[in-house]
Protein backbone atom coordinates (compact mmCIF):
# COMPACT_ATOMS: atom_id res chain seq x y z
CA MET A 1 32.72 7.10 -55.22
CA LEU A 2 32.55 10.87 -55.78
CA LYS A 3 33.65 13.42 -53.20
CA VAL A 4 33.38 17.20 -53.02
CA ALA A 5 36.15 18.68 -50.85
CA LYS A 6 35.72 22.20 -49.51
CA PHE A 7 38.75 23.93 -47.95
CA GLY A 8 38.22 26.90 -45.64
CA GLY A 9 40.28 30.06 -45.36
CA SER A 10 42.71 28.66 -42.79
CA SER A 11 43.35 25.70 -45.11
CA VAL A 12 44.51 28.01 -47.94
CA ALA A 13 46.15 30.74 -45.84
CA SER A 14 49.69 30.27 -47.19
CA ALA A 15 51.81 28.37 -49.70
CA GLU A 16 52.45 25.78 -46.99
CA GLN A 17 48.70 25.26 -46.59
CA PHE A 18 48.28 25.00 -50.37
CA LYS A 19 50.78 22.13 -50.27
CA LYS A 20 48.71 20.35 -47.60
CA VAL A 21 45.59 20.76 -49.74
CA LYS A 22 47.37 19.21 -52.72
CA GLU A 23 48.53 16.24 -50.66
CA ILE A 24 44.99 15.65 -49.41
CA VAL A 25 43.37 16.00 -52.84
CA LYS A 26 45.90 13.77 -54.59
CA MET A 27 45.54 11.15 -51.86
CA ASP A 28 42.07 10.23 -53.13
CA ALA A 29 41.14 10.27 -56.83
CA SER A 30 37.45 10.50 -55.93
CA ARG A 31 37.96 14.12 -54.81
CA LYS A 32 36.95 15.41 -58.23
CA PHE A 33 35.40 18.69 -57.08
CA VAL A 34 37.22 21.19 -54.87
CA VAL A 35 35.69 24.36 -53.40
CA VAL A 36 37.89 26.99 -51.74
CA SER A 37 37.37 30.00 -49.51
CA ALA A 38 39.52 33.12 -49.84
CA VAL A 39 43.03 33.10 -48.37
CA GLY A 40 42.57 33.29 -44.60
CA LYS A 41 44.75 34.05 -41.58
CA ALA A 42 48.18 32.43 -41.61
CA ASN A 43 48.53 33.29 -37.90
CA LYS A 44 46.52 35.07 -35.20
CA ASP A 45 48.01 38.47 -36.10
CA ASP A 46 47.29 38.09 -39.81
CA ASN A 47 44.25 39.37 -41.73
CA LYS A 48 41.74 37.51 -43.88
CA ILE A 49 41.65 38.56 -47.53
CA THR A 50 37.86 38.94 -47.25
CA ASP A 51 38.18 41.41 -44.36
CA LEU A 52 40.81 43.40 -46.26
CA LEU A 53 38.60 43.60 -49.35
CA TYR A 54 35.68 44.87 -47.27
CA LEU A 55 38.06 47.44 -45.77
CA CYS A 56 39.22 48.49 -49.25
CA TYR A 57 35.66 49.13 -50.33
CA ALA A 58 34.98 51.19 -47.21
CA HIS A 59 38.02 53.35 -48.00
CA ILE A 60 36.85 54.02 -51.55
CA LYS A 61 33.26 54.63 -50.44
CA TYR A 62 34.41 57.44 -48.16
CA ASN A 63 36.93 58.82 -50.67
CA MET A 64 39.96 57.51 -48.81
CA ASN A 65 43.08 56.04 -50.38
CA CYS A 66 43.20 52.25 -49.98
CA ASP A 67 46.70 51.62 -51.39
CA ALA A 68 48.11 50.47 -48.05
CA VAL A 69 45.36 47.88 -47.59
CA PHE A 70 45.49 46.73 -51.20
CA ASN A 71 49.26 46.27 -50.95
CA ILE A 72 48.72 43.76 -48.14
CA ILE A 73 46.24 41.85 -50.31
CA GLU A 74 48.66 41.89 -53.24
CA LYS A 75 51.56 40.64 -51.12
CA LYS A 76 49.57 37.73 -49.69
CA PHE A 77 48.52 36.49 -53.13
CA CYS A 78 51.89 37.11 -54.77
CA ASP A 79 53.82 35.38 -51.98
CA ILE A 80 51.75 32.22 -52.51
CA ALA A 81 52.14 32.32 -56.30
CA GLU A 82 55.90 32.91 -56.12
CA GLU A 83 56.61 30.25 -53.51
CA LEU A 84 54.63 27.66 -55.48
CA LYS A 85 56.21 28.83 -58.77
CA LEU A 86 52.83 29.34 -60.44
CA ASN A 87 52.58 30.84 -63.93
CA PHE A 88 49.21 32.50 -63.36
CA ASP A 89 49.49 36.28 -63.80
CA ILE A 90 48.26 37.20 -60.33
CA LYS A 91 49.86 40.66 -60.48
CA GLY A 92 48.02 41.41 -63.72
CA GLU A 93 44.68 40.32 -62.23
CA LEU A 94 45.25 42.44 -59.13
CA LEU A 95 46.22 45.45 -61.26
CA LYS A 96 42.95 45.18 -63.20
CA LEU A 97 41.04 44.88 -59.94
CA LYS A 98 42.77 47.95 -58.49
CA GLU A 99 41.96 50.00 -61.60
CA LYS A 100 38.28 49.09 -61.26
CA LEU A 101 38.41 49.93 -57.58
CA ASN A 102 39.99 53.34 -58.13
CA SER A 103 37.51 54.20 -60.89
CA LYS A 104 34.67 53.22 -58.52
CA SER A 105 33.16 51.10 -61.29
CA ILE A 106 32.81 48.13 -58.97
CA SER A 107 30.26 46.85 -56.47
CA GLU A 108 31.13 45.75 -52.96
CA GLU A 109 29.85 42.26 -53.77
CA TYR A 110 32.07 41.94 -56.83
CA LEU A 111 35.15 43.25 -55.01
CA VAL A 112 34.77 40.99 -51.97
CA SER A 113 34.10 37.92 -54.13
CA ARG A 114 37.51 38.37 -55.77
CA GLY A 115 39.10 36.84 -52.68
CA GLU A 116 37.60 33.43 -53.45
CA TYR A 117 37.90 33.97 -57.21
CA LEU A 118 41.66 34.60 -57.17
CA THR A 119 42.34 31.91 -54.55
CA ALA A 120 40.51 29.37 -56.73
CA LEU A 121 42.46 30.42 -59.83
CA LEU A 122 45.76 29.91 -58.01
CA MET A 123 44.61 26.57 -56.62
CA ALA A 124 43.33 25.45 -60.03
CA GLU A 125 46.79 25.79 -61.56
CA TYR A 126 48.49 24.22 -58.54
CA LEU A 127 46.22 21.15 -58.56
CA GLY A 128 45.86 20.93 -62.33
CA TYR A 129 42.07 21.24 -61.99
CA ARG A 130 39.75 23.11 -64.35
CA PHE A 131 38.42 26.40 -62.94
CA ILE A 132 34.66 27.08 -62.92
CA ASP A 133 33.50 30.57 -61.95
CA ALA A 134 30.76 30.22 -59.32
CA LYS A 135 28.69 32.90 -61.07
CA ASP A 136 28.30 30.53 -64.04
CA VAL A 137 26.82 27.62 -62.07
CA ILE A 138 25.32 28.96 -58.83
CA PHE A 139 22.26 31.08 -59.57
CA TYR A 140 19.97 33.04 -57.28
CA ASN A 141 16.64 34.73 -57.89
CA TYR A 142 16.20 38.39 -57.02
CA ASP A 143 14.49 37.41 -53.75
CA ASN A 144 17.76 35.63 -52.72
CA THR A 145 16.30 32.14 -53.15
CA PHE A 146 18.54 29.56 -54.81
CA ASP A 147 17.55 28.62 -58.39
CA TYR A 148 18.29 24.89 -58.30
CA ILE A 149 16.90 24.02 -61.74
CA LYS A 150 18.91 26.68 -63.59
CA SER A 151 22.03 25.86 -61.56
CA GLU A 152 21.69 22.12 -62.16
CA LYS A 153 21.35 22.60 -65.92
CA ALA A 154 24.43 24.86 -66.13
CA PHE A 155 26.44 22.58 -63.84
CA GLU A 156 25.67 19.47 -65.88
CA GLU A 157 26.61 21.23 -69.13
CA ILE A 158 29.98 22.47 -67.85
CA THR A 159 31.00 19.31 -65.99
CA LYS A 160 29.93 16.72 -68.59
CA THR A 161 33.57 16.45 -69.74
CA GLY A 162 34.33 14.48 -66.59
CA GLU A 163 37.38 16.56 -65.64
CA ASN A 164 38.39 17.55 -62.13
CA PHE A 165 37.03 20.96 -61.20
CA ILE A 166 37.64 23.77 -58.71
CA ILE A 167 34.99 26.34 -57.78
CA PRO A 168 35.32 29.47 -55.61
CA GLY A 169 33.00 29.61 -52.60
CA PHE A 170 30.93 32.39 -51.02
CA TYR A 171 29.20 33.79 -54.12
CA GLY A 172 26.90 33.13 -57.05
CA SER A 173 24.98 35.42 -59.38
CA PHE A 174 21.60 37.07 -59.89
CA PRO A 175 19.67 36.78 -63.20
CA ASN A 176 21.32 40.01 -64.44
CA LYS A 177 24.77 38.39 -63.83
CA ASP A 178 25.56 40.66 -60.86
CA VAL A 179 27.52 38.92 -58.10
CA LYS A 180 25.46 37.73 -55.13
CA LEU A 181 27.44 37.23 -51.92
CA MET A 182 26.37 34.67 -49.36
CA THR A 183 26.52 35.38 -45.63
CA ARG A 184 29.79 34.92 -43.71
CA GLY A 185 30.96 31.34 -43.93
CA GLY A 186 29.04 30.93 -47.18
CA GLY A 187 31.83 28.85 -48.69
CA ASP A 188 30.38 25.94 -46.69
CA VAL A 189 27.08 26.51 -48.47
CA THR A 190 28.82 26.56 -51.87
CA GLY A 191 30.42 23.22 -51.05
CA ALA A 192 27.05 21.76 -50.08
CA ILE A 193 25.41 23.09 -53.25
CA VAL A 194 28.19 21.62 -55.41
CA ALA A 195 27.86 18.28 -53.59
CA SER A 196 24.14 18.29 -54.31
CA LEU A 197 24.55 19.32 -57.96
CA ALA A 198 27.25 16.68 -58.49
CA ASN A 199 25.23 14.00 -56.63
CA ALA A 200 28.32 13.35 -54.54
CA ASP A 201 28.64 10.38 -52.20
CA VAL A 202 30.38 12.50 -49.54
CA TYR A 203 30.80 16.22 -48.87
CA GLU A 204 34.13 16.79 -47.10
CA ASN A 205 34.57 20.07 -45.26
CA TRP A 206 38.24 20.65 -44.45
CA THR A 207 39.01 23.18 -41.73
CA ASP A 208 41.43 23.72 -38.84
CA VAL A 209 39.67 21.53 -36.26
CA SER A 210 39.27 17.75 -36.15
CA GLY A 211 35.50 17.72 -36.38
CA VAL A 212 32.66 19.07 -34.29
CA LEU A 213 33.34 19.35 -30.56
CA MET A 214 30.81 18.84 -27.80
CA ALA A 215 31.36 22.39 -26.52
CA ASP A 216 33.30 25.57 -27.25
CA PRO A 217 37.01 24.87 -26.55
CA ARG A 218 37.40 28.49 -25.43
CA ILE A 219 35.14 27.63 -22.49
CA ILE A 220 35.77 23.90 -21.99
CA PRO A 221 39.43 22.81 -22.27
CA ASN A 222 39.75 19.82 -24.64
CA PRO A 223 36.03 19.05 -25.04
CA LEU A 224 35.08 15.62 -26.32
CA PRO A 225 34.87 15.27 -30.12
CA ILE A 226 31.57 14.25 -31.71
CA GLU A 227 32.19 11.26 -33.97
CA VAL A 228 28.70 11.04 -35.50
CA ILE A 229 25.96 13.65 -35.49
CA ASN A 230 22.56 13.87 -37.15
CA TYR A 231 21.72 16.69 -39.61
CA ASN A 232 19.04 17.99 -37.23
CA GLU A 233 21.38 17.99 -34.25
CA LEU A 234 23.97 19.93 -36.23
CA ARG A 235 21.35 22.45 -37.35
CA GLU A 236 20.37 23.06 -33.74
CA LEU A 237 24.00 23.49 -32.63
CA SER A 238 24.96 25.67 -35.60
CA TYR A 239 21.95 27.93 -35.15
CA MET A 240 22.85 28.40 -31.50
CA GLY A 241 26.43 29.42 -32.19
CA ALA A 242 28.56 26.33 -32.88
CA SER A 243 30.85 27.68 -35.58
CA VAL A 244 32.37 24.68 -37.36
CA LEU A 245 29.89 24.65 -40.24
CA HIS A 246 27.54 27.29 -41.67
CA GLU A 247 23.99 26.39 -40.58
CA GLU A 248 22.61 26.72 -44.14
CA ALA A 249 25.15 24.18 -45.45
CA VAL A 250 23.03 21.31 -44.16
CA PHE A 251 19.96 21.78 -46.38
CA PRO A 252 21.38 21.05 -49.87
CA VAL A 253 23.02 17.78 -48.82
CA ALA A 254 20.38 16.63 -46.32
CA LEU A 255 17.74 16.64 -49.06
CA LYS A 256 19.82 14.07 -50.97
CA LYS A 257 21.07 12.30 -47.83
CA ILE A 258 24.68 13.09 -48.69
CA PRO A 259 26.84 12.72 -45.55
CA ILE A 260 29.10 15.59 -44.50
CA GLN A 261 32.53 14.83 -43.08
CA ILE A 262 34.34 17.53 -41.08
CA ARG A 263 38.12 17.01 -41.41
CA ASN A 264 41.29 18.79 -40.27
CA THR A 265 43.64 19.99 -43.04
CA ASN A 266 46.52 20.07 -40.55
CA LYS A 267 45.75 16.58 -39.21
CA PRO A 268 44.30 14.63 -42.15
CA GLU A 269 44.83 11.38 -40.29
CA ASP A 270 42.14 12.35 -37.74
CA VAL A 271 38.75 10.74 -38.36
CA GLY A 272 36.75 13.94 -37.84
CA THR A 273 32.97 14.08 -37.56
CA ILE A 274 30.40 12.39 -39.79
CA ILE A 275 27.11 14.27 -40.23
CA ASN A 276 24.32 12.15 -41.68
CA ASN A 277 20.64 11.29 -41.56
CA SER A 278 20.90 8.43 -39.07
CA ASP A 279 20.62 8.45 -35.30
CA GLU A 280 23.54 6.07 -34.73
CA GLY A 281 25.33 8.62 -32.58
CA ALA A 282 22.33 9.18 -30.34
CA PHE A 283 23.26 6.48 -27.84
CA LYS A 284 27.01 7.07 -27.48
CA HIS A 285 26.51 10.00 -25.10
CA ILE A 286 23.55 11.27 -23.12
CA ILE A 287 23.90 14.61 -24.87
CA THR A 288 25.47 15.33 -28.26
CA GLY A 289 26.59 18.92 -27.80
CA ILE A 290 26.17 22.30 -26.11
CA ALA A 291 26.12 25.69 -27.80
CA GLY A 292 24.94 29.17 -26.98
CA LYS A 293 24.69 32.84 -27.83
CA LYS A 294 24.74 36.01 -25.78
CA ASP A 295 22.75 39.24 -25.96
CA PHE A 296 19.07 38.42 -26.21
CA SER A 297 16.12 40.39 -24.86
CA ILE A 298 12.88 39.05 -23.43
CA ILE A 299 9.73 41.12 -23.92
CA THR A 300 6.93 39.89 -21.65
CA ILE A 301 3.24 40.71 -22.19
CA ARG A 302 1.00 40.28 -19.13
CA LYS A 303 -2.80 40.28 -19.26
CA VAL A 304 -5.32 38.75 -16.86
CA HIS A 305 -7.32 35.86 -18.40
CA MET A 306 -5.05 35.94 -21.42
CA SER A 307 -5.42 32.18 -21.88
CA ASN A 308 -9.13 32.61 -22.64
CA GLU A 309 -8.54 35.18 -25.39
CA VAL A 310 -8.32 33.91 -28.96
CA GLY A 311 -5.72 35.49 -31.26
CA LEU A 312 -3.78 37.47 -28.66
CA ILE A 313 -0.38 36.01 -29.52
CA ARG A 314 -1.09 36.53 -33.23
CA LYS A 315 -1.74 40.22 -32.56
CA ALA A 316 1.59 40.51 -30.74
CA LEU A 317 3.51 38.65 -33.43
CA SER A 318 2.10 40.93 -36.13
CA VAL A 319 3.76 43.87 -34.34
CA PHE A 320 7.14 42.13 -34.49
CA GLU A 321 6.50 41.37 -38.16
CA ASP A 322 5.79 45.05 -38.83
CA TYR A 323 9.25 45.84 -37.43
CA ASN A 324 10.84 42.97 -39.40
CA VAL A 325 12.08 41.27 -36.22
CA SER A 326 12.72 37.52 -36.15
CA ILE A 327 11.53 35.70 -33.04
CA GLU A 328 13.63 33.07 -31.27
CA HIS A 329 11.20 31.58 -28.72
CA ILE A 330 7.76 32.23 -27.20
CA PRO A 331 7.49 30.70 -23.69
CA SER A 332 4.06 31.25 -22.12
CA GLY A 333 2.08 31.07 -18.89
CA VAL A 334 -1.58 31.45 -17.91
CA ASP A 335 -1.64 35.25 -17.82
CA SER A 336 1.55 36.08 -19.69
CA PHE A 337 3.79 35.13 -22.56
CA SER A 338 7.29 36.20 -23.48
CA VAL A 339 8.93 36.84 -26.82
CA VAL A 340 12.68 36.22 -27.02
CA VAL A 341 14.56 38.23 -29.66
CA GLU A 342 18.13 39.25 -30.40
CA THR A 343 18.83 42.53 -28.61
CA LYS A 344 20.48 44.12 -31.64
CA ALA A 345 17.34 43.46 -33.70
CA VAL A 346 15.11 45.61 -31.46
CA LYS A 347 17.51 48.01 -29.74
CA PRO A 348 16.90 51.04 -32.01
CA PHE A 349 13.13 51.01 -31.41
CA VAL A 350 12.48 48.70 -28.47
CA TYR A 351 10.36 51.11 -26.40
CA GLU A 352 8.32 52.14 -29.41
CA LEU A 353 7.74 48.46 -30.16
CA MET A 354 6.68 47.80 -26.57
CA GLY A 355 4.16 50.62 -26.81
CA LYS A 356 2.71 49.13 -30.00
CA LEU A 357 2.52 45.72 -28.30
CA LYS A 358 0.60 47.12 -25.35
CA LYS A 359 -1.85 48.85 -27.66
CA ALA A 360 -2.32 45.85 -29.98
CA THR A 361 -2.93 43.38 -27.14
CA SER A 362 -4.54 45.71 -24.56
CA ALA A 363 -2.01 44.26 -22.15
CA GLY A 364 -1.90 45.28 -18.52
CA GLU A 365 1.89 45.39 -18.61
CA VAL A 366 4.74 44.97 -21.09
CA THR A 367 8.23 44.54 -19.61
CA LEU A 368 11.76 44.18 -20.95
CA THR A 369 14.61 41.99 -19.69
CA SER A 370 17.95 42.35 -21.48
CA GLU A 371 21.48 40.89 -21.35
CA ILE A 372 20.22 37.32 -21.61
CA SER A 373 22.13 34.34 -23.02
CA LEU A 374 20.47 31.30 -24.58
CA ILE A 375 22.22 27.96 -24.15
CA ALA A 376 21.10 24.84 -26.01
CA THR A 377 21.71 21.29 -24.85
CA VAL A 378 21.22 19.11 -27.92
CA GLY A 379 20.91 15.38 -28.47
CA LEU A 380 18.62 12.92 -30.25
CA GLY A 381 19.21 10.46 -27.45
CA MET A 382 18.04 12.77 -24.64
CA LYS A 383 14.45 11.54 -24.92
CA ASN A 384 15.64 8.06 -23.89
CA TYR A 385 16.77 9.28 -20.46
CA LYS A 386 13.95 9.85 -17.99
CA GLY A 387 14.47 12.84 -15.73
CA LEU A 388 17.17 14.37 -17.90
CA SER A 389 15.68 17.87 -17.89
CA GLY A 390 15.32 17.70 -14.11
CA ARG A 391 18.96 16.70 -13.81
CA LEU A 392 19.95 19.57 -16.10
CA PHE A 393 17.96 22.20 -14.19
CA SER A 394 19.11 20.82 -10.83
CA ALA A 395 22.78 21.08 -11.82
CA ILE A 396 22.31 24.67 -12.95
CA GLY A 397 20.49 25.53 -9.72
CA LYS A 398 23.17 23.92 -7.53
CA ALA A 399 25.75 26.06 -9.35
CA GLY A 400 23.90 29.15 -8.11
CA ILE A 401 22.65 30.12 -11.57
CA ASN A 402 19.17 31.54 -12.07
CA ILE A 403 17.28 30.27 -15.12
CA VAL A 404 15.30 33.13 -16.65
CA VAL A 405 13.55 31.21 -19.42
CA ILE A 406 13.16 27.60 -20.59
CA SER A 407 12.19 26.31 -24.04
CA GLN A 408 11.84 22.73 -25.28
CA THR A 409 10.14 21.19 -28.30
CA SER A 410 8.08 17.99 -28.15
CA ASP A 411 10.70 16.00 -30.11
CA GLU A 412 13.05 16.51 -27.12
CA ILE A 413 16.10 17.07 -29.33
CA ASN A 414 16.91 20.40 -27.69
CA ILE A 415 16.54 22.01 -24.27
CA ILE A 416 17.21 25.75 -24.22
CA VAL A 417 17.77 27.71 -21.04
CA GLY A 418 18.06 31.46 -20.78
CA VAL A 419 20.45 32.89 -18.18
CA HIS A 420 22.02 36.27 -17.54
CA ASN A 421 25.00 37.08 -19.76
CA SER A 422 27.24 37.07 -16.69
CA ASP A 423 26.42 33.36 -16.15
CA TYR A 424 26.95 32.29 -19.78
CA GLU A 425 30.31 30.51 -19.49
CA LYS A 426 29.52 29.12 -16.04
CA THR A 427 26.28 27.56 -17.32
CA ILE A 428 28.02 25.85 -20.24
CA ARG A 429 30.69 24.46 -17.92
CA THR A 430 28.03 23.27 -15.47
CA ILE A 431 26.04 21.42 -18.14
CA TYR A 432 29.11 19.91 -19.78
CA TYR A 433 30.63 18.51 -16.60
CA GLU A 434 27.26 17.29 -15.32
CA PHE A 435 27.04 14.90 -18.27
CA ASN A 436 30.78 14.41 -18.79
CA PRO A 437 32.33 14.17 -15.29
CA GLN A 438 36.05 14.95 -15.04
């Protein structure tokens, strides 16, 4: 048995959390690879190291002194090292980093990646694990695609000694050795990549919640936990806003059918959530989970006899492509179709884009509806329940909520409804309690 254990920022936020990590790792000898995020928030009023490093770079960029911010970073790292009685020269490393920062001979990517880098170095000494710099085993091409072959070769060469290893999350490197940052939450992706490269039996993702929940606990008090969830279900929920795991973390492990286990660092006795390739969880509940996002816009193109015209939608989509705008959904009717996009993606040029759409399609009318939320009800088992969508829409209607748009794929894993932003929380509560009565 071989496990890769990834610990998020909240799991390494203090010396006390470091101790919990050590207890967990030492509890199971199969946890031979550990991936860590940067030191996170120790409490709600604290700051993440990553945020502070971004702030430092902004200060330097605009010729402002960042000593006050850097002092906070230094204190957080030094407090951990001192309390754990570590020998690693964290002050020396931070001094070198500050000198580079002040001389402006540093990129934002390099600076921000030092959060994970230094956290991993501290954890390596504390656990007695060998440190591997992510830039030496996680390689990206210049187009931001992951270079699996090069990464696999380097990983095998470094890890052939059979030692226990620790790797910082959130970054890799380009062919010229420059640091390449992943998107926020990218430490999850690093963990998944390491699990794939190591051919692990399990990828454990340790965080501050006991698995994936059926709904956002900020909206639904004490939502039901999801014990087992399919990779595809998780992808749907993550894409639509469920924040337990980075959506891109699924791909590397799903390809090799490596199960992911979401665990709670503060409650290691909790079972958590298993994410795998099976559909065994599809029949435990009618729905698996609910997730959503606010602030979408719907651009509707109306044209008489549109359904008889070949290539009309392609013409419209080419306009969005010209503006580099990603499209969420395209619901359609006989004489109209709508394009759902994130509002922030089109806001700077939305009316110009609408004009181009009207010209490209010779549409009779192009209209805009904003302040829309999309809410996804997800579950592999939904297709086994006849009339489920009718029940869903009926419950929303009885709650006095107007559905603006509906989208569903033929595999019936996901039903998405669009409502006004003002009805976002109410819609989630309505759906949740319809299928999970109090």
